[in-house]
C-alpha cells in the first residue's frame, strides 16, 4: 500500500468518530502494545485479518549507568 493510499484511508475516517475494529485486529494491537519494543519477523494474514505471528524477538538494551 502506497503512502498516498494510507493518507486517503486516514482522511476517510473523521477524527471525532469512533471506528469499529475486528476483534482479531484488536487482539493483535493489544499484543503489540504488550511487546513495547521488539520485532515481529513474519505476520500471516488471511482474509484481511492477522492469523499468526510466527516469530517474535524482544530487544533488550542494557544501558550503562555512569557512577559519580
PDB file of N, CA and C in Angstrom:
ATOM      1  N   UNK A   1       0.849  -1.170   0.000  1.00  0.00           N
ATOM      2  CA  UNK A   1       0.000   0.000   0.000  1.00  0.00           C
ATOM      3  C   UNK A   1       0.895   1.234   0.000  1.00  0.00           C
ATOM      4  N   UNK A   2       0.588   2.137  -0.883  1.00  0.00           N
ATOM      5  CA  UNK A   2       1.425   3.325  -1.009  1.00  0.00           C
ATOM      6  C   UNK A   2       1.111   4.345   0.082  1.00  0.00           C
ATOM      7  N   UNK A   3       1.995   5.306   0.202  1.00  0.00           N
ATOM      8  CA  UNK A   3       1.802   6.372   1.185  1.00  0.00           C
ATOM      9  C   UNK A   3       0.548   7.182   0.864  1.00  0.00           C
ATOM     10  N   UNK A   4       0.283   7.376  -0.426  1.00  0.00           N
ATOM     11  CA  UNK A   4      -0.923   8.106  -0.844  1.00  0.00           C
ATOM     12  C   UNK A   4      -2.185   7.344  -0.452  1.00  0.00           C
ATOM     13  N   UNK A   5      -2.149   6.009  -0.596  1.00  0.00           N
ATOM     14  CA  UNK A   5      -3.300   5.185  -0.203  1.00  0.00           C
ATOM     15  C   UNK A   5      -3.568   5.297   1.292  1.00  0.00           C
ATOM     16  N   UNK A   6      -2.500   5.259   2.088  1.00  0.00           N
ATOM     17  CA  UNK A   6      -2.656   5.368   3.537  1.00  0.00           C
ATOM     18  C   UNK A   6      -3.225   6.725   3.929  1.00  0.00           C
ATOM     19  N   UNK A   7      -2.771   7.766   3.253  1.00  0.00           N
ATOM     20  CA  UNK A   7      -3.279   9.105   3.540  1.00  0.00           C
ATOM     21  C   UNK A   7      -4.759   9.198   3.203  1.00  0.00           C
ATOM     22  N   UNK A   8      -5.140   8.619   2.076  1.00  0.00           N
ATOM     23  CA  UNK A   8      -6.546   8.618   1.665  1.00  0.00           C
ATOM     24  C   UNK A   8      -7.416   7.893   2.693  1.00  0.00           C
ATOM     25  N   UNK A   9      -6.928   6.747   3.165  1.00  0.00           N
ATOM     26  CA  UNK A   9      -7.675   5.993   4.178  1.00  0.00           C
ATOM     27  C   UNK A   9      -7.837   6.796   5.461  1.00  0.00           C
ATOM     28  N   UNK A  10      -6.789   7.477   5.885  1.00  0.00           N
ATOM     29  CA  UNK A  10      -6.863   8.242   7.130  1.00  0.00           C
ATOM     30  C   UNK A  10      -7.808   9.432   6.993  1.00  0.00           C
ATOM     31  N   UNK A  11      -7.950   9.958   5.795  1.00  0.00           N
ATOM     32  CA  UNK A  11      -8.861  11.081   5.578  1.00  0.00           C
ATOM     33  C   UNK A  11     -10.317  10.639   5.538  1.00  0.00           C
ATOM     34  N   UNK A  12     -10.567   9.342   5.263  1.00  0.00           N
ATOM     35  CA  UNK A  12     -11.937   8.829   5.186  1.00  0.00           C
ATOM     36  C   UNK A  12     -12.594   8.731   6.555  1.00  0.00           C
ATOM     37  N   UNK A  13     -11.810   8.605   7.611  1.00  0.00           N
ATOM     38  CA  UNK A  13     -12.354   8.454   8.959  1.00  0.00           C
ATOM     39  C   UNK A  13     -12.310   9.807   9.661  1.00  0.00           C
ATOM     40  N   UNK A  14     -13.479  10.357   9.992  1.00  0.00           N
ATOM     41  CA  UNK A  14     -13.477  11.635  10.718  1.00  0.00           C
ATOM     42  C   UNK A  14     -12.781  11.479  12.070  1.00  0.00           C
ATOM     43  N   UNK A  15     -12.004  12.474  12.462  1.00  0.00           N
ATOM     44  CA  UNK A  15     -11.229  12.376  13.693  1.00  0.00           C
ATOM     45  C   UNK A  15     -12.100  12.383  14.946  1.00  0.00           C
ATOM     46  N   UNK A  16     -13.337  12.852  14.835  1.00  0.00           N
ATOM     47  CA  UNK A  16     -14.204  12.906  16.002  1.00  0.00           C
ATOM     48  C   UNK A  16     -15.135  11.697  16.093  1.00  0.00           C
ATOM     49  N   UNK A  17     -14.901  10.673  15.284  1.00  0.00           N
ATOM     50  CA  UNK A  17     -15.739   9.477  15.271  1.00  0.00           C
ATOM     51  C   UNK A  17     -14.954   8.267  15.750  1.00  0.00           C
ATOM     52  N   UNK A  18     -15.643   7.359  16.402  1.00  0.00           N
ATOM     53  CA  UNK A  18     -15.041   6.084  16.773  1.00  0.00           C
ATOM     54  C   UNK A  18     -15.206   5.127  15.604  1.00  0.00           C
ATOM     55  N   UNK A  19     -14.224   4.267  15.408  1.00  0.00           N
ATOM     56  CA  UNK A  19     -14.344   3.255  14.373  1.00  0.00           C
ATOM     57  C   UNK A  19     -14.341   1.886  15.026  1.00  0.00           C
ATOM     58  N   UNK A  20     -14.984   0.948  14.384  1.00  0.00           N
ATOM     59  CA  UNK A  20     -15.007  -0.426  14.890  1.00  0.00           C
ATOM     60  C   UNK A  20     -13.833  -1.194  14.311  1.00  0.00           C
ATOM     61  N   UNK A  21     -13.212  -1.975  15.161  1.00  0.00           N
ATOM     62  CA  UNK A  21     -12.072  -2.794  14.755  1.00  0.00           C
ATOM     63  C   UNK A  21     -12.441  -4.240  15.022  1.00  0.00           C
ATOM     64  N   UNK A  22     -12.150  -5.089  14.074  1.00  0.00           N
ATOM     65  CA  UNK A  22     -12.428  -6.519  14.237  1.00  0.00           C
ATOM     66  C   UNK A  22     -11.708  -7.032  15.488  1.00  0.00           C
ATOM     67  N   UNK A  23     -12.334  -7.910  16.250  1.00  0.00           N
ATOM     68  CA  UNK A  23     -11.714  -8.418  17.490  1.00  0.00           C
ATOM     69  C   UNK A  23     -10.320  -9.018  17.284  1.00  0.00           C
ATOM     70  N   UNK A  24     -10.080  -9.630  16.124  1.00  0.00           N
ATOM     71  CA  UNK A  24      -8.762 -10.213  15.867  1.00  0.00           C
ATOM     72  C   UNK A  24      -7.720  -9.102  15.736  1.00  0.00           C
ATOM     73  N   UNK A  25      -8.064  -8.007  15.028  1.00  0.00           N
ATOM     74  CA  UNK A  25      -7.133  -6.884  14.924  1.00  0.00           C
ATOM     75  C   UNK A  25      -6.911  -6.251  16.290  1.00  0.00           C
ATOM     76  N   UNK A  26      -7.963  -6.151  17.071  1.00  0.00           N
ATOM     77  CA  UNK A  26      -7.838  -5.578  18.420  1.00  0.00           C
ATOM     78  C   UNK A  26      -6.868  -6.419  19.254  1.00  0.00           C
ATOM     79  N   UNK A  27      -6.996  -7.734  19.185  1.00  0.00           N
ATOM     80  CA  UNK A  27      -6.090  -8.627  19.924  1.00  0.00           C
ATOM     81  C   UNK A  27      -4.650  -8.424  19.472  1.00  0.00           C
ATOM     82  N   UNK A  28      -4.437  -8.289  18.166  1.00  0.00           N
ATOM     83  CA  UNK A  28      -3.089  -8.087  17.642  1.00  0.00           C
ATOM     84  C   UNK A  28      -2.516  -6.747  18.111  1.00  0.00           C
ATOM     85  N   UNK A  29      -3.339  -5.698  18.085  1.00  0.00           N
ATOM     86  CA  UNK A  29      -2.882  -4.379  18.539  1.00  0.00           C
ATOM     87  C   UNK A  29      -2.508  -4.426  20.018  1.00  0.00           C
ATOM     88  N   UNK A  30      -3.332  -5.067  20.845  1.00  0.00           N
ATOM     89  CA  UNK A  30      -3.030  -5.184  22.278  1.00  0.00           C
ATOM     90  C   UNK A  30      -1.750  -5.993  22.491  1.00  0.00           C
ATOM     91  N   UNK A  31      -1.555  -7.040  21.683  1.00  0.00           N
ATOM     92  CA  UNK A  31      -0.337  -7.835  21.776  1.00  0.00           C
ATOM     93  C   UNK A  31       0.891  -6.967  21.466  1.00  0.00           C
ATOM     94  N   UNK A  32       0.796  -6.150  20.416  1.00  0.00           N
ATOM     95  CA  UNK A  32       1.904  -5.264  20.049  1.00  0.00           C
ATOM     96  C   UNK A  32       2.185  -4.258  21.154  1.00  0.00           C
ATOM     97  N   UNK A  33       1.139  -3.749  21.792  1.00  0.00           N
ATOM     98  CA  UNK A  33       1.347  -2.835  22.919  1.00  0.00           C
ATOM     99  C   UNK A  33       2.105  -3.524  24.040  1.00  0.00           C
ATOM    100  N   UNK A  34       1.820  -4.792  24.254  1.00  0.00           N
ATOM    101  CA  UNK A  34       2.491  -5.555  25.302  1.00  0.00           C
ATOM    102  C   UNK A  34       3.961  -5.779  25.016  1.00  0.00           C
ATOM    103  N   UNK A  35       4.304  -5.911  23.737  1.00  0.00           N
ATOM    104  CA  UNK A  35       5.708  -6.105  23.373  1.00  0.00           C
ATOM    105  C   UNK A  35       6.509  -4.843  23.692  1.00  0.00           C
ATOM    106  N   UNK A  36       5.962  -3.694  23.423  1.00  0.00           N
ATOM    107  CA  UNK A  36       6.585  -2.378  23.593  1.00  0.00           C
ATOM    108  C   UNK A  36       7.785  -2.209  22.680  1.00  0.00           C
ATOM    109  N   UNK A  37       8.802  -3.011  22.810  1.00  0.00           N
ATOM    110  CA  UNK A  37       9.972  -2.959  21.941  1.00  0.00           C
ATOM    111  C   UNK A  37      10.253  -4.370  21.471  1.00  0.00           C
ATOM    112  N   UNK A  38      10.384  -4.545  20.194  1.00  0.00           N
ATOM    113  CA  UNK A  38      10.659  -5.874  19.691  1.00  0.00           C
ATOM    114  C   UNK A  38      10.504  -5.941  18.193  1.00  0.00           C
ATOM    115  N   UNK A  39      10.372  -7.151  17.687  1.00  0.00           N
ATOM    116  CA  UNK A  39      10.335  -7.352  16.246  1.00  0.00           C
ATOM    117  C   UNK A  39       9.459  -8.547  15.939  1.00  0.00           C
ATOM    118  N   UNK A  40       8.545  -8.371  15.016  1.00  0.00           N
ATOM    119  CA  UNK A  40       7.751  -9.487  14.507  1.00  0.00           C
ATOM    120  C   UNK A  40       8.309  -9.777  13.124  1.00  0.00           C
ATOM    121  N   UNK A  41       8.899 -10.948  12.972  1.00  0.00           N
ATOM    122  CA  UNK A  41       9.551 -11.268  11.704  1.00  0.00           C
ATOM    123  C   UNK A  41       8.563 -11.631  10.621  1.00  0.00           C
ATOM    124  N   UNK A  42       7.539 -12.410  10.963  1.00  0.00           N
ATOM    125  CA  UNK A  42       6.544 -12.805   9.972  1.00  0.00           C
ATOM    126  C   UNK A  42       5.156 -12.648  10.570  1.00  0.00           C
ATOM    127  N   UNK A  43       4.274 -12.121   9.770  1.00  0.00           N
ATOM    128  CA  UNK A  43       2.881 -11.981  10.172  1.00  0.00           C
ATOM    129  C   UNK A  43       2.037 -12.573   9.062  1.00  0.00           C
ATOM    130  N   UNK A  44       1.247 -13.580   9.389  1.00  0.00           N
ATOM    131  CA  UNK A  44       0.383 -14.203   8.389  1.00  0.00           C
ATOM    132  C   UNK A  44      -0.987 -13.546   8.433  1.00  0.00           C
ATOM    133  N   UNK A  45      -1.457 -13.147   7.250  1.00  0.00           N
ATOM    134  CA  UNK A  45      -2.750 -12.505   7.094  1.00  0.00           C
ATOM    135  C   UNK A  45      -3.630 -13.426   6.262  1.00  0.00           C
ATOM    136  N   UNK A  46      -4.860 -13.633   6.702  1.00  0.00           N
ATOM    137  CA  UNK A  46      -5.812 -14.446   5.946  1.00  0.00           C
ATOM    138  C   UNK A  46      -7.151 -13.738   5.956  1.00  0.00           C
ATOM    139  N   UNK A  47      -7.717 -13.538   4.792  1.00  0.00           N
ATOM    140  CA  UNK A  47      -8.983 -12.811   4.640  1.00  0.00           C
ATOM    141  C   UNK A  47      -8.934 -11.439   5.297  1.00  0.00           C
ATOM    142  N   UNK A  48      -7.771 -10.789   5.215  1.00  0.00           N
ATOM    143  CA  UNK A  48      -7.629  -9.438   5.744  1.00  0.00           C
ATOM    144  C   UNK A  48      -7.434  -9.351   7.245  1.00  0.00           C
ATOM    145  N   UNK A  49      -7.237 -10.488   7.907  1.00  0.00           N
ATOM    146  CA  UNK A  49      -7.074 -10.498   9.362  1.00  0.00           C
ATOM    147  C   UNK A  49      -5.743 -11.143   9.740  1.00  0.00           C
ATOM    148  N   UNK A  50      -5.090 -10.630  10.780  1.00  0.00           N
ATOM    149  CA  UNK A  50      -3.852 -11.272  11.232  1.00  0.00           C
ATOM    150  C   UNK A  50      -4.190 -12.624  11.857  1.00  0.00           C
ATOM    151  N   UNK A  51      -3.493 -13.642  11.405  1.00  0.00           N
ATOM    152  CA  UNK A  51      -3.767 -15.002  11.880  1.00  0.00           C
ATOM    153  C   UNK A  51      -2.666 -15.502  12.800  1.00  0.00           C
ATOM    154  N   UNK A  52      -1.412 -15.194  12.462  1.00  0.00           N
ATOM    155  CA  UNK A  52      -0.309 -15.787  13.201  1.00  0.00           C
ATOM    156  C   UNK A  52       0.940 -14.925  13.096  1.00  0.00           C
ATOM    157  N   UNK A  53       1.553 -14.650  14.229  1.00  0.00           N
ATOM    158  CA  UNK A  53       2.885 -14.046  14.253  1.00  0.00           C
ATOM    159  C   UNK A  53       3.837 -15.200  14.508  1.00  0.00           C
ATOM    160  N   UNK A  54       4.625 -15.550  13.489  1.00  0.00           N
ATOM    161  CA  UNK A  54       5.440 -16.760  13.584  1.00  0.00           C
ATOM    162  C   UNK A  54       6.593 -16.654  14.556  1.00  0.00           C
ATOM    163  N   UNK A  55       7.252 -15.502  14.579  1.00  0.00           N
ATOM    164  CA  UNK A  55       8.399 -15.386  15.463  1.00  0.00           C
ATOM    165  C   UNK A  55       8.459 -13.974  16.018  1.00  0.00           C
ATOM    166  N   UNK A  56       8.595 -13.896  17.289  1.00  0.00           N
ATOM    167  CA  UNK A  56       8.694 -12.595  17.939  1.00  0.00           C
ATOM    168  C   UNK A  56       9.993 -12.563  18.720  1.00  0.00           C
ATOM    169  N   UNK A  57      10.767 -11.499  18.523  1.00  0.00           N
ATOM    170  CA  UNK A  57      12.009 -11.319  19.275  1.00  0.00           C
ATOM    171  C   UNK A  57      11.877 -10.058  20.088  1.00  0.00           C
ATOM    172  N   UNK A  58      12.347 -10.091  21.291  1.00  0.00           N
ATOM    173  CA  UNK A  58      12.394  -8.887  22.109  1.00  0.00           C
ATOM    174  C   UNK A  58      13.823  -8.376  22.128  1.00  0.00           C
ATOM    175  N   UNK A  59      13.952  -7.087  21.932  1.00  0.00           N
ATOM    176  CA  UNK A  59      15.269  -6.478  22.007  1.00  0.00           C
ATOM    177  C   UNK A  59      15.380  -5.776  23.352  1.00  0.00           C
ATOM    178  N   UNK A  60      16.395  -6.127  24.082  1.00  0.00           N
ATOM    179  CA  UNK A  60      16.595  -5.536  25.403  1.00  0.00           C
ATOM    180  C   UNK A  60      17.936  -4.809  25.385  1.00  0.00           C
ATOM    181  N   UNK A  61      17.894  -3.522  25.670  1.00  0.00           N
ATOM    182  CA  UNK A  61      19.131  -2.743  25.736  1.00  0.00           C
ATOM    183  C   UNK A  61      19.567  -2.643  27.183  1.00  0.00           C
ATOM    184  N   UNK A  62      20.804  -2.938  27.417  1.00  0.00           N
ATOM    185  CA  UNK A  62      21.361  -2.770  28.744  1.00  0.00           C
ATOM    186  C   UNK A  62      22.185  -1.495  28.726  1.00  0.00           C
ATOM    187  N   UNK A  63      21.653  -0.476  29.329  1.00  0.00           N
ATOM    188  CA  UNK A  63      22.288   0.840  29.315  1.00  0.00           C
ATOM    189  C   UNK A  63      23.249   0.939  30.467  1.00  0.00           C
ATOM    190  N   UNK A  64      24.469   1.360  30.167  1.00  0.00           N
ATOM    191  CA  UNK A  64      25.477   1.537  31.208  1.00  0.00           C
ATOM    192  C   UNK A  64      25.159   2.806  31.980  1.00  0.00           C
ATOM    193  N   UNK A  65      25.005   2.669  33.274  1.00  0.00           N
ATOM    194  CA  UNK A  65      24.720   3.808  34.137  1.00  0.00           C
ATOM    195  C   UNK A  65      26.043   4.351  34.657  1.00  0.00           C
ATOM    196  N   UNK A  66      26.257   5.628  34.428  1.00  0.00           N
ATOM    197  CA  UNK A  66      27.508   6.241  34.890  1.00  0.00           C
ATOM    198  C   UNK A  66      27.469   6.432  36.404  1.00  0.00           C
ATOM    199  N   UNK A  67      28.555   6.048  37.069  1.00  0.00           N
ATOM    200  CA  UNK A  67      28.652   6.234  38.512  1.00  0.00           C
ATOM    201  C   UNK A  67      29.388   7.519  38.793  1.00  0.00           C
ATOM    202  N   UNK A  68      28.939   8.252  39.800  1.00  0.00           N
ATOM    203  CA  UNK A  68      29.576   9.529  40.155  1.00  0.00           C
ATOM    204  C   UNK A  68      30.554   9.344  41.283  1.00  0.00           C
TER     205      UNK A  68
END
